Amino acid sequence: MVVSLFAVSAKAAPMAYSVNSDSVNGDSLYLIDLTTGADQFRGKLDAGIAFRTDTEGLAFSPAGPDNPSRLWGIDDASEILFPIAGNGSIDYREDIQLPPFPAGPDGELIGGSDFGMTFACDSTLFFTSVKSQTLFRRDSQGNVTTVGSVGSLRVNISAIAAIGNPTKLYGLGNGLFENGSTDSPRLYSIDLSSGVASPIGRLSDEDAFKYNEAGLAFDSEGGLWAITDRSQINNQRSQILSINVVTGTATLVAETLNEVGYESLAISPPANCSVQAGLNGELAKIPTLSLAGRLSAILVLMLAGMLILHRRYT
């Protein structure tokens, strides 16, 4: 029993996907070990006649009875939503052209959104635009609407992650402005009615984590992870961070080994989609063992049974 309890918490960090827009290979999909930072090139985002040039948002859709989970990305240069295979290949026939977005302060209509994106348990897609500091919602029927009003976020957020049912949405503020001054390196909670972002806490009181933009995602166990783009800070490699959702503080886990410039992160389909009522009417996760915990528990029970049988027949 003791062994099985340790196995629940003592598990390795997950594998994740990220698209590197700064790669020498062009927009490319990488598989990243979040424990070590080892990043493996999987393939260019190339459909033969439609190469992606600025893919920043990335997320897994939820799995359904007839629809397996798929990896999706948003290209900022064309404002196209598209699925991505594990080898980075894409099919232009599956492209989804998103509707026009509000212009930025300089009147820019295309590009500059620096999208963050995430799926909720009900297949709703949320994505943010830095250009207009706005949260958008795309439902399962393909309808795109503004959450709250244009500019409701009031902060530059290019990385978001959703968890649970009902949905809780978190955002990570950009670390630095283009001129190098500090932007908003904080974790935020985002209201799904008003579209307003409320600060939870800074990643570090000492500003230990310098970055420009980032990717954000929950793993299947509900842990929150980020990967940061530091390509504009002396071309430094990306940092992999574990973030406390209660305080917003971050812990450095690793740095990528080969590449710089990761701005997106996708780990698993939406997590914690099954909930139960907790104390005071709050929602609490249904407790379950991880796969490692279940296997350890089975081994412990088998060992106990073998000892009992051995004593009985000796």
C-alpha atoms as a PDB file:
ATOM      1  CA  MET A   1       0.000   0.000   0.000  1.00  0.00           C
ATOM      2  CA  VAL A   2       2.838   2.375   0.872  1.00  0.00           C
ATOM      3  CA  VAL A   3       4.521   1.653  -2.478  1.00  0.00           C
ATOM      4  CA  SER A   4       1.311   2.400  -4.366  1.00  0.00           C
ATOM      5  CA  LEU A   5       0.866   5.717  -2.563  1.00  0.00           C
ATOM      6  CA  PHE A   6       4.355   6.854  -3.542  1.00  0.00           C
ATOM      7  CA  ALA A   7       3.713   5.840  -7.141  1.00  0.00           C
ATOM      8  CA  VAL A   8       0.774   8.250  -7.406  1.00  0.00           C
ATOM      9  CA  SER A   9       2.985  11.295  -6.904  1.00  0.00           C
ATOM     10  CA  ALA A  10       6.391  10.056  -8.066  1.00  0.00           C
ATOM     11  CA  LYS A  11       5.794  10.119 -11.791  1.00  0.00           C
ATOM     12  CA  ALA A  12       7.866  11.510 -14.603  1.00  0.00           C
ATOM     13  CA  ALA A  13       6.922  14.731 -16.327  1.00  0.00           C
ATOM     14  CA  PRO A  14       4.950  14.172 -19.549  1.00  0.00           C
ATOM     15  CA  MET A  15       5.903  14.517 -23.181  1.00  0.00           C
ATOM     16  CA  ALA A  16       4.573  17.530 -25.049  1.00  0.00           C
ATOM     17  CA  TYR A  17       4.349  19.021 -28.523  1.00  0.00           C
ATOM     18  CA  SER A  18       5.400  22.491 -29.567  1.00  0.00           C
ATOM     19  CA  VAL A  19       5.743  24.315 -32.870  1.00  0.00           C
ATOM     20  CA  ASN A  20       8.934  26.285 -33.327  1.00  0.00           C
ATOM     21  CA  SER A  21       8.454  29.216 -35.674  1.00  0.00           C
ATOM     22  CA  ASP A  22      12.144  30.148 -35.321  1.00  0.00           C
ATOM     23  CA  SER A  23      13.505  26.758 -36.350  1.00  0.00           C
ATOM     24  CA  VAL A  24      16.051  26.579 -39.154  1.00  0.00           C
ATOM     25  CA  ASN A  25      13.597  24.125 -40.723  1.00  0.00           C
ATOM     26  CA  GLY A  26      10.816  26.739 -40.751  1.00  0.00           C
ATOM     27  CA  ASP A  27       7.565  26.191 -38.833  1.00  0.00           C
ATOM     28  CA  SER A  28       8.169  22.698 -37.426  1.00  0.00           C
ATOM     29  CA  LEU A  29       6.614  20.315 -34.931  1.00  0.00           C
ATOM     30  CA  TYR A  30       8.788  19.087 -32.058  1.00  0.00           C
ATOM     31  CA  LEU A  31       8.211  16.437 -29.381  1.00  0.00           C
ATOM     32  CA  ILE A  32       9.640  17.619 -26.048  1.00  0.00           C
ATOM     33  CA  ASP A  33      10.480  15.691 -22.889  1.00  0.00           C
ATOM     34  CA  LEU A  34       9.427  18.137 -20.184  1.00  0.00           C
ATOM     35  CA  THR A  35      11.737  16.462 -17.652  1.00  0.00           C
ATOM     36  CA  THR A  36      14.983  16.825 -19.587  1.00  0.00           C
ATOM     37  CA  GLY A  37      14.187  19.391 -22.279  1.00  0.00           C
ATOM     38  CA  ALA A  38      15.159  16.948 -25.031  1.00  0.00           C
ATOM     39  CA  ASP A  39      13.388  18.187 -28.177  1.00  0.00           C
ATOM     40  CA  GLN A  40      12.958  15.946 -31.197  1.00  0.00           C
ATOM     41  CA  PHE A  41      12.193  17.297 -34.666  1.00  0.00           C
ATOM     42  CA  ARG A  42       9.072  15.567 -36.031  1.00  0.00           C
ATOM     43  CA  GLY A  43       8.454  17.397 -39.287  1.00  0.00           C
ATOM     44  CA  LYS A  44       7.731  20.657 -41.091  1.00  0.00           C
ATOM     45  CA  LEU A  45       4.184  22.013 -41.142  1.00  0.00           C
ATOM     46  CA  ASP A  46       3.934  21.568 -44.875  1.00  0.00           C
ATOM     47  CA  ALA A  47       0.939  20.439 -46.919  1.00  0.00           C
ATOM     48  CA  GLY A  48       2.738  20.624 -50.223  1.00  0.00           C
ATOM     49  CA  ILE A  49       0.995  23.788 -51.395  1.00  0.00           C
ATOM     50  CA  ALA A  50       0.313  25.373 -47.997  1.00  0.00           C
ATOM     51  CA  PHE A  51       3.283  25.906 -45.699  1.00  0.00           C
ATOM     52  CA  ARG A  52       2.604  27.484 -42.285  1.00  0.00           C
ATOM     53  CA  THR A  53       4.839  30.436 -41.466  1.00  0.00           C
ATOM     54  CA  ASP A  54       3.800  31.654 -37.995  1.00  0.00           C
ATOM     55  CA  THR A  55       2.048  28.939 -35.983  1.00  0.00           C
ATOM     56  CA  GLU A  56       1.856  29.965 -32.324  1.00  0.00           C
ATOM     57  CA  GLY A  57      -1.317  28.473 -30.821  1.00  0.00           C
ATOM     58  CA  LEU A  58      -1.413  24.697 -30.217  1.00  0.00           C
ATOM     59  CA  ALA A  59      -3.846  22.388 -28.376  1.00  0.00           C
ATOM     60  CA  PHE A  60      -5.346  18.877 -28.299  1.00  0.00           C
ATOM     61  CA  SER A  61      -9.082  18.529 -28.882  1.00  0.00           C
ATOM     62  CA  PRO A  62     -11.087  16.275 -26.534  1.00  0.00           C
ATOM     63  CA  ALA A  63     -11.705  12.696 -27.590  1.00  0.00           C
ATOM     64  CA  GLY A  64     -15.283  11.639 -28.377  1.00  0.00           C
ATOM     65  CA  PRO A  65     -17.006   8.293 -29.046  1.00  0.00           C
ATOM     66  CA  ASP A  66     -16.538   8.699 -32.794  1.00  0.00           C
ATOM     67  CA  ASN A  67     -13.780  11.341 -32.904  1.00  0.00           C
ATOM     68  CA  PRO A  68     -10.263  10.720 -31.595  1.00  0.00           C
ATOM     69  CA  SER A  69      -8.339  13.581 -30.068  1.00  0.00           C
ATOM     70  CA  ARG A  70      -6.355  15.612 -32.597  1.00  0.00           C
ATOM     71  CA  LEU A  71      -3.607  18.188 -32.360  1.00  0.00           C
ATOM     72  CA  TRP A  72      -4.633  21.607 -33.703  1.00  0.00           C
ATOM     73  CA  GLY A  73      -2.733  24.794 -34.443  1.00  0.00           C
ATOM     74  CA  ILE A  74      -3.457  28.399 -35.451  1.00  0.00           C
ATOM     75  CA  ASP A  75      -1.303  30.188 -37.986  1.00  0.00           C
ATOM     76  CA  ASP A  76      -1.017  33.879 -37.143  1.00  0.00           C
ATOM     77  CA  ALA A  77       0.091  34.881 -40.641  1.00  0.00           C
ATOM     78  CA  SER A  78      -3.046  33.507 -42.341  1.00  0.00           C
ATOM     79  CA  GLU A  79      -5.460  33.192 -39.362  1.00  0.00           C
ATOM     80  CA  ILE A  80      -6.156  29.577 -40.287  1.00  0.00           C
ATOM     81  CA  LEU A  81      -7.053  26.814 -37.808  1.00  0.00           C
ATOM     82  CA  PHE A  82      -5.791  23.376 -38.865  1.00  0.00           C
ATOM     83  CA  PRO A  83      -5.108  19.831 -37.536  1.00  0.00           C
ATOM     84  CA  ILE A  84      -1.549  18.499 -37.339  1.00  0.00           C
ATOM     85  CA  ALA A  85      -0.391  14.876 -37.578  1.00  0.00           C
ATOM     86  CA  GLY A  86       2.286  13.474 -35.276  1.00  0.00           C
ATOM     87  CA  ASN A  87       4.919  13.831 -37.999  1.00  0.00           C
ATOM     88  CA  GLY A  88       4.031  17.469 -38.602  1.00  0.00           C
ATOM     89  CA  SER A  89       2.145  16.857 -41.827  1.00  0.00           C
ATOM     90  CA  ILE A  90      -0.996  18.868 -42.561  1.00  0.00           C
ATOM     91  CA  ASP A  91      -3.782  18.622 -45.131  1.00  0.00           C
ATOM     92  CA  TYR A  92      -4.834  21.987 -46.577  1.00  0.00           C
ATOM     93  CA  ARG A  93      -8.297  20.528 -47.299  1.00  0.00           C
ATOM     94  CA  GLU A  94      -8.928  20.518 -43.541  1.00  0.00           C
ATOM     95  CA  ASP A  95      -8.031  24.201 -43.119  1.00  0.00           C
ATOM     96  CA  ILE A  96     -10.600  26.318 -41.293  1.00  0.00           C
ATOM     97  CA  GLN A  97     -10.436  30.002 -42.160  1.00  0.00           C
ATOM     98  CA  LEU A  98     -11.272  32.043 -39.083  1.00  0.00           C
ATOM     99  CA  PRO A  99     -13.392  35.203 -39.427  1.00  0.00           C
ATOM    100  CA  PRO A 100     -11.706  38.621 -39.472  1.00  0.00           C
ATOM    101  CA  PHE A 101     -10.450  39.779 -36.074  1.00  0.00           C
ATOM    102  CA  PRO A 102     -10.498  43.316 -34.663  1.00  0.00           C
ATOM    103  CA  ALA A 103      -7.670  45.508 -35.913  1.00  0.00           C
ATOM    104  CA  GLY A 104      -4.779  46.418 -33.662  1.00  0.00           C
ATOM    105  CA  PRO A 105      -3.900  49.957 -32.521  1.00  0.00           C
ATOM    106  CA  ASP A 106      -1.969  50.531 -35.748  1.00  0.00           C
ATOM    107  CA  GLY A 107      -4.878  49.365 -37.898  1.00  0.00           C
ATOM    108  CA  GLU A 108      -3.268  45.987 -38.642  1.00  0.00           C
ATOM    109  CA  LEU A 109      -5.888  43.488 -39.821  1.00  0.00           C
ATOM    110  CA  ILE A 110      -3.894  40.290 -40.412  1.00  0.00           C
ATOM    111  CA  GLY A 111      -1.150  38.963 -38.148  1.00  0.00           C
ATOM    112  CA  GLY A 112       0.063  40.257 -34.816  1.00  0.00           C
ATOM    113  CA  SER A 113      -2.482  38.299 -32.792  1.00  0.00           C
ATOM    114  CA  ASP A 114       0.148  35.974 -31.264  1.00  0.00           C
ATOM    115  CA  PHE A 115      -2.661  33.510 -30.597  1.00  0.00           C
ATOM    116  CA  GLY A 116      -2.960  31.365 -27.508  1.00  0.00           C
ATOM    117  CA  MET A 117      -5.459  28.499 -27.745  1.00  0.00           C
ATOM    118  CA  THR A 118      -6.973  25.685 -25.706  1.00  0.00           C
ATOM    119  CA  PHE A 119      -9.901  23.277 -25.870  1.00  0.00           C
ATOM    120  CA  ALA A 120     -12.458  22.801 -23.102  1.00  0.00           C
ATOM    121  CA  CYS A 121     -14.055  19.468 -22.193  1.00  0.00           C
ATOM    122  CA  ASP A 122     -17.151  20.227 -24.319  1.00  0.00           C
ATOM    123  CA  SER A 123     -14.994  20.825 -27.449  1.00  0.00           C
ATOM    124  CA  THR A 124     -15.298  24.603 -27.187  1.00  0.00           C
ATOM    125  CA  LEU A 125     -12.130  26.244 -28.483  1.00  0.00           C
ATOM    126  CA  PHE A 126     -10.883  29.361 -26.692  1.00  0.00           C
ATOM    127  CA  PHE A 127      -8.196  31.569 -28.164  1.00  0.00           C
ATOM    128  CA  THR A 128      -6.696  34.928 -27.310  1.00  0.00           C
ATOM    129  CA  SER A 129      -5.388  37.734 -29.495  1.00  0.00           C
ATOM    130  CA  VAL A 130      -2.628  39.997 -28.209  1.00  0.00           C
ATOM    131  CA  LYS A 131      -3.388  42.424 -31.033  1.00  0.00           C
ATOM    132  CA  SER A 132      -6.742  43.351 -29.477  1.00  0.00           C
ATOM    133  CA  GLN A 133      -6.265  41.909 -25.936  1.00  0.00           C
ATOM    134  CA  THR A 134      -9.419  39.852 -26.453  1.00  0.00           C
ATOM    135  CA  LEU A 135     -10.678  36.325 -25.710  1.00  0.00           C
ATOM    136  CA  PHE A 136     -12.674  34.498 -28.380  1.00  0.00           C
ATOM    137  CA  ARG A 137     -14.815  31.367 -28.260  1.00  0.00           C
ATOM    138  CA  ARG A 138     -15.452  28.896 -31.098  1.00  0.00           C
ATOM    139  CA  ASP A 139     -18.250  26.401 -30.414  1.00  0.00           C
ATOM    140  CA  SER A 140     -18.633  22.877 -31.773  1.00  0.00           C
ATOM    141  CA  GLN A 141     -20.725  24.254 -34.665  1.00  0.00           C
ATOM    142  CA  GLY A 142     -17.920  26.529 -35.789  1.00  0.00           C
ATOM    143  CA  ASN A 143     -19.412  29.819 -34.580  1.00  0.00           C
ATOM    144  CA  VAL A 144     -16.812  32.322 -33.343  1.00  0.00           C
ATOM    145  CA  THR A 145     -17.865  34.936 -30.778  1.00  0.00           C
ATOM    146  CA  THR A 146     -16.131  37.496 -28.596  1.00  0.00           C
ATOM    147  CA  VAL A 147     -16.114  36.726 -24.860  1.00  0.00           C
ATOM    148  CA  GLY A 148     -17.080  39.939 -23.102  1.00  0.00           C
ATOM    149  CA  SER A 149     -16.006  42.808 -25.322  1.00  0.00           C
ATOM    150  CA  VAL A 150     -13.009  43.721 -27.452  1.00  0.00           C
ATOM    151  CA  GLY A 151     -10.098  44.547 -25.148  1.00  0.00           C
ATOM    152  CA  SER A 152     -11.615  42.892 -22.052  1.00  0.00           C
ATOM    153  CA  LEU A 153      -8.414  41.021 -21.181  1.00  0.00           C
ATOM    154  CA  ARG A 154      -6.589  44.345 -20.657  1.00  0.00           C
ATOM    155  CA  VAL A 155      -3.263  42.493 -20.751  1.00  0.00           C
ATOM    156  CA  ASN A 156      -1.076  40.809 -23.374  1.00  0.00           C
ATOM    157  CA  ILE A 157      -1.832  37.083 -23.049  1.00  0.00           C
ATOM    158  CA  SER A 158      -0.515  34.753 -25.764  1.00  0.00           C
ATOM    159  CA  ALA A 159      -0.802  31.466 -23.834  1.00  0.00           C
ATOM    160  CA  ILE A 160      -3.946  29.951 -22.300  1.00  0.00           C
ATOM    161  CA  ALA A 161      -4.980  26.587 -20.823  1.00  0.00           C
ATOM    162  CA  ALA A 162      -8.382  25.225 -19.796  1.00  0.00           C
ATOM    163  CA  ILE A 163      -9.198  22.533 -17.254  1.00  0.00           C
ATOM    164  CA  GLY A 164     -12.222  20.903 -15.641  1.00  0.00           C
ATOM    165  CA  ASN A 165     -15.962  20.788 -16.072  1.00  0.00           C
ATOM    166  CA  PRO A 166     -17.235  23.483 -15.668  1.00  0.00           C
ATOM    167  CA  THR A 167     -14.294  25.076 -17.421  1.00  0.00           C
ATOM    168  CA  LYS A 168     -11.631  27.079 -15.635  1.00  0.00           C
ATOM    169  CA  LEU A 169      -9.418  29.139 -17.917  1.00  0.00           C
ATOM    170  CA  TYR A 170      -5.911  30.366 -17.137  1.00  0.00           C
ATOM    171  CA  GLY A 171      -3.629  32.659 -19.094  1.00  0.00           C
ATOM    172  CA  LEU A 172       0.064  33.520 -18.977  1.00  0.00           C
ATOM    173  CA  GLY A 173       0.992  37.128 -19.608  1.00  0.00           C
ATOM    174  CA  ASN A 174       3.822  38.018 -21.965  1.00  0.00           C
ATOM    175  CA  GLY A 175       7.139  38.508 -20.204  1.00  0.00           C
ATOM    176  CA  LEU A 176       8.713  41.400 -22.110  1.00  0.00           C
ATOM    177  CA  PHE A 177       7.640  44.119 -24.507  1.00  0.00           C
ATOM    178  CA  GLU A 178       9.469  44.430 -27.827  1.00  0.00           C
ATOM    179  CA  ASN A 179      11.634  47.195 -26.333  1.00  0.00           C
ATOM    180  CA  GLY A 180      12.828  44.818 -23.586  1.00  0.00           C
ATOM    181  CA  SER A 181      10.887  46.353 -20.696  1.00  0.00           C
ATOM    182  CA  THR A 182       8.833  44.103 -18.397  1.00  0.00           C
ATOM    183  CA  ASP A 183       5.321  43.297 -19.581  1.00  0.00           C
ATOM    184  CA  SER A 184       3.080  41.025 -17.448  1.00  0.00           C
ATOM    185  CA  PRO A 185       4.914  37.806 -16.431  1.00  0.00           C
ATOM    186  CA  ARG A 186       2.008  36.607 -14.285  1.00  0.00           C
ATOM    187  CA  LEU A 187      -0.510  33.787 -14.215  1.00  0.00           C
ATOM    188  CA  TYR A 188      -4.090  34.995 -14.711  1.00  0.00           C
ATOM    189  CA  SER A 189      -7.543  33.514 -14.285  1.00  0.00           C
ATOM    190  CA  ILE A 190      -9.922  34.497 -17.081  1.00  0.00           C
ATOM    191  CA  ASP A 191     -13.657  35.000 -16.557  1.00  0.00           C
ATOM    192  CA  LEU A 192     -15.606  33.149 -19.244  1.00  0.00           C
ATOM    193  CA  SER A 193     -18.514  35.602 -19.122  1.00  0.00           C
ATOM    194  CA  SER A 194     -16.754  38.963 -19.106  1.00  0.00           C
ATOM    195  CA  GLY A 195     -13.452  37.994 -20.719  1.00  0.00           C
ATOM    196  CA  VAL A 196     -11.588  39.851 -17.961  1.00  0.00           C
ATOM    197  CA  ALA A 197      -8.211  38.518 -16.806  1.00  0.00           C
ATOM    198  CA  SER A 198      -7.477  38.706 -13.071  1.00  0.00           C
ATOM    199  CA  PRO A 199      -3.893  38.278 -11.811  1.00  0.00           C
ATOM    200  CA  ILE A 200      -3.144  35.267  -9.602  1.00  0.00           C
ATOM    201  CA  GLY A 201       0.535  35.903  -9.004  1.00  0.00           C
ATOM    202  CA  ARG A 202       3.940  36.582 -10.554  1.00  0.00           C
ATOM    203  CA  LEU A 203       6.028  33.685 -11.808  1.00  0.00           C
ATOM    204  CA  SER A 204       8.861  34.915  -9.612  1.00  0.00           C
ATOM    205  CA  ASP A 205       9.234  37.817  -7.197  1.00  0.00           C
ATOM    206  CA  GLU A 206      12.804  38.288  -8.408  1.00  0.00           C
ATOM    207  CA  ASP A 207      11.869  38.225 -12.117  1.00  0.00           C
ATOM    208  CA  ALA A 208      14.066  35.145 -12.464  1.00  0.00           C
ATOM    209  CA  PHE A 209      12.282  34.070 -15.647  1.00  0.00           C
ATOM    210  CA  LYS A 210      12.945  36.425 -18.540  1.00  0.00           C
ATOM    211  CA  TYR A 211      11.004  35.601 -21.701  1.00  0.00           C
ATOM    212  CA  ASN A 212       8.997  37.177 -24.488  1.00  0.00           C
ATOM    213  CA  GLU A 213       6.010  34.902 -25.142  1.00  0.00           C
ATOM    214  CA  ALA A 214       5.122  31.406 -24.006  1.00  0.00           C
ATOM    215  CA  GLY A 215       3.003  28.291 -24.379  1.00  0.00           C
ATOM    216  CA  LEU A 216       0.771  26.958 -21.590  1.00  0.00           C
ATOM    217  CA  ALA A 217      -0.947  23.586 -21.057  1.00  0.00           C
ATOM    218  CA  PHE A 218      -2.299  21.220 -18.416  1.00  0.00           C
ATOM    219  CA  ASP A 219      -1.200  17.599 -18.332  1.00  0.00           C
ATOM    220  CA  SER A 220      -3.614  14.687 -17.862  1.00  0.00           C
ATOM    221  CA  GLU A 221      -3.133  14.796 -14.074  1.00  0.00           C
ATOM    222  CA  GLY A 222      -3.995  18.495 -13.812  1.00  0.00           C
ATOM    223  CA  GLY A 223      -0.442  19.860 -13.569  1.00  0.00           C
ATOM    224  CA  LEU A 224       0.149  23.201 -15.291  1.00  0.00           C
ATOM    225  CA  TRP A 225       3.209  23.631 -17.531  1.00  0.00           C
ATOM    226  CA  ALA A 226       4.704  26.453 -19.567  1.00  0.00           C
ATOM    227  CA  ILE A 227       7.427  26.758 -22.176  1.00  0.00           C
ATOM    228  CA  THR A 228       8.957  30.170 -22.807  1.00  0.00           C
ATOM    229  CA  ASP A 229      10.373  31.882 -25.877  1.00  0.00           C
ATOM    230  CA  ARG A 230      13.725  33.540 -25.098  1.00  0.00           C
ATOM    231  CA  SER A 231      15.009  33.814 -28.657  1.00  0.00           C
ATOM    232  CA  GLN A 232      15.107  37.603 -28.398  1.00  0.00           C
ATOM    233  CA  ILE A 233      17.155  37.454 -25.171  1.00  0.00           C
ATOM    234  CA  ASN A 234      20.587  36.660 -26.575  1.00  0.00           C
ATOM    235  CA  ASN A 235      19.073  33.697 -28.440  1.00  0.00           C
ATOM    236  CA  GLN A 236      18.678  31.664 -25.240  1.00  0.00           C
ATOM    237  CA  ARG A 237      17.015  28.264 -25.217  1.00  0.00           C
ATOM    238  CA  SER A 238      13.444  27.887 -24.035  1.00  0.00           C
ATOM    239  CA  GLN A 239      12.742  27.190 -20.372  1.00  0.00           C
ATOM    240  CA  ILE A 240      10.241  24.566 -19.193  1.00  0.00           C
ATOM    241  CA  LEU A 241       8.326  25.677 -16.107  1.00  0.00           C
ATOM    242  CA  SER A 242       5.952  23.995 -13.682  1.00  0.00           C
ATOM    243  CA  ILE A 243       3.383  26.518 -12.408  1.00  0.00           C
ATOM    244  CA  ASN A 244       1.378  26.537  -9.173  1.00  0.00           C
ATOM    245  CA  VAL A 245      -2.193  27.461 -10.143  1.00  0.00           C
ATOM    246  CA  VAL A 246      -2.967  28.765  -6.642  1.00  0.00           C
ATOM    247  CA  THR A 247      -0.043  31.188  -6.288  1.00  0.00           C
ATOM    248  CA  GLY A 248       1.132  31.616  -9.875  1.00  0.00           C
ATOM    249  CA  THR A 249       4.733  30.894  -8.902  1.00  0.00           C
ATOM    250  CA  ALA A 250       6.870  28.900 -11.314  1.00  0.00           C
ATOM    251  CA  THR A 251       9.615  26.312 -10.868  1.00  0.00           C
ATOM    252  CA  LEU A 252      12.295  25.766 -13.493  1.00  0.00           C
ATOM    253  CA  VAL A 253      12.305  22.101 -14.582  1.00  0.00           C
ATOM    254  CA  ALA A 254      14.589  22.114 -17.629  1.00  0.00           C
ATOM    255  CA  GLU A 255      15.808  23.988 -20.683  1.00  0.00           C
ATOM    256  CA  THR A 256      15.374  22.741 -24.231  1.00  0.00           C
ATOM    257  CA  LEU A 257      18.504  21.032 -25.511  1.00  0.00           C
ATOM    258  CA  ASN A 258      18.536  21.887 -29.198  1.00  0.00           C
ATOM    259  CA  GLU A 259      16.171  24.672 -30.235  1.00  0.00           C
ATOM    260  CA  VAL A 260      15.105  28.177 -29.184  1.00  0.00           C
ATOM    261  CA  GLY A 261      11.882  30.074 -29.792  1.00  0.00           C
ATOM    262  CA  TYR A 262       9.062  27.777 -28.623  1.00  0.00           C
ATOM    263  CA  GLU A 263       5.804  29.737 -28.179  1.00  0.00           C
ATOM    264  CA  SER A 264       3.194  26.975 -27.961  1.00  0.00           C
ATOM    265  CA  LEU A 265       2.549  23.879 -25.859  1.00  0.00           C
ATOM    266  CA  ALA A 266       0.165  20.914 -26.092  1.00  0.00           C
ATOM    267  CA  ILE A 267       0.361  17.950 -23.732  1.00  0.00           C
ATOM    268  CA  SER A 268      -2.941  16.068 -23.646  1.00  0.00           C
ATOM    269  CA  PRO A 269      -6.681  16.401 -24.318  1.00  0.00           C
ATOM    270  CA  PRO A 270      -8.682  18.464 -21.769  1.00  0.00           C
ATOM    271  CA  ALA A 271      -8.145  17.163 -18.217  1.00  0.00           C
ATOM    272  CA  ASN A 272     -10.418  16.682 -15.202  1.00  0.00           C
ATOM    273  CA  CYS A 273     -13.595  16.544 -17.266  1.00  0.00           C
ATOM    274  CA  SER A 274     -15.324  14.410 -14.597  1.00  0.00           C
ATOM    275  CA  VAL A 275     -16.094  16.208 -11.341  1.00  0.00           C
ATOM    276  CA  GLN A 276     -18.052  15.655  -8.152  1.00  0.00           C
ATOM    277  CA  ALA A 277     -19.458  17.994  -5.499  1.00  0.00           C
ATOM    278  CA  GLY A 278     -16.993  18.874  -2.760  1.00  0.00           C
ATOM    279  CA  LEU A 279     -17.299  20.632   0.583  1.00  0.00           C
ATOM    280  CA  ASN A 280     -19.356  23.834   0.696  1.00  0.00           C
ATOM    281  CA  GLY A 281     -20.707  23.133  -2.761  1.00  0.00           C
ATOM    282  CA  GLU A 282     -17.294  23.469  -4.382  1.00  0.00           C
ATOM    283  CA  LEU A 283     -16.248  21.216  -7.224  1.00  0.00           C
ATOM    284  CA  ALA A 284     -13.547  18.682  -6.487  1.00  0.00           C
ATOM    285  CA  LYS A 285     -11.716  16.204  -8.679  1.00  0.00           C
ATOM    286  CA  ILE A 286     -12.767  12.585  -8.413  1.00  0.00           C
ATOM    287  CA  PRO A 287      -9.693  10.924  -6.874  1.00  0.00           C
ATOM    288  CA  THR A 288      -8.071   8.315  -9.081  1.00  0.00           C
ATOM    289  CA  LEU A 289      -4.726   6.555  -9.120  1.00  0.00           C
ATOM    290  CA  SER A 290      -2.322   7.117 -11.965  1.00  0.00           C
ATOM    291  CA  LEU A 291      -1.437   4.145 -14.197  1.00  0.00           C
ATOM    292  CA  ALA A 292       1.772   3.673 -12.213  1.00  0.00           C
ATOM    293  CA  GLY A 293      -0.194   3.719  -8.971  1.00  0.00           C
ATOM    294  CA  ARG A 294      -2.690   1.119 -10.203  1.00  0.00           C
ATOM    295  CA  LEU A 295       0.080  -1.195 -11.398  1.00  0.00           C
ATOM    296  CA  SER A 296       1.934  -0.839  -8.087  1.00  0.00           C
ATOM    297  CA  ALA A 297      -1.257  -1.565  -6.158  1.00  0.00           C
ATOM    298  CA  ILE A 298      -1.831  -4.716  -8.233  1.00  0.00           C
ATOM    299  CA  LEU A 299       1.744  -5.894  -7.593  1.00  0.00           C
ATOM    300  CA  VAL A 300       1.394  -5.269  -3.855  1.00  0.00           C
ATOM    301  CA  LEU A 301      -1.877  -7.265  -3.740  1.00  0.00           C
ATOM    302  CA  MET A 302      -0.307 -10.108  -5.745  1.00  0.00           C
ATOM    303  CA  LEU A 303       2.650 -10.187  -3.357  1.00  0.00           C
ATOM    304  CA  ALA A 304       0.324 -10.276  -0.353  1.00  0.00           C
ATOM    305  CA  GLY A 305      -1.624 -13.151  -1.922  1.00  0.00           C
ATOM    306  CA  MET A 306       1.548 -15.118  -2.619  1.00  0.00           C
ATOM    307  CA  LEU A 307       2.699 -14.724   0.993  1.00  0.00           C
ATOM    308  CA  ILE A 308      -0.656 -15.909   2.312  1.00  0.00           C
ATOM    309  CA  LEU A 309      -0.663 -18.945   0.002  1.00  0.00           C
ATOM    310  CA  HIS A 310       2.940 -19.741   0.923  1.00  0.00           C
ATOM    311  CA  ARG A 311       2.117 -19.735   4.646  1.00  0.00           C
ATOM    312  CA  ARG A 312      -1.030 -21.806   4.090  1.00  0.00           C
ATOM    313  CA  TYR A 313       0.759 -24.616   2.271  1.00  0.00           C
ATOM    314  CA  THR A 314       4.003 -24.744   4.278  1.00  0.00           C
END
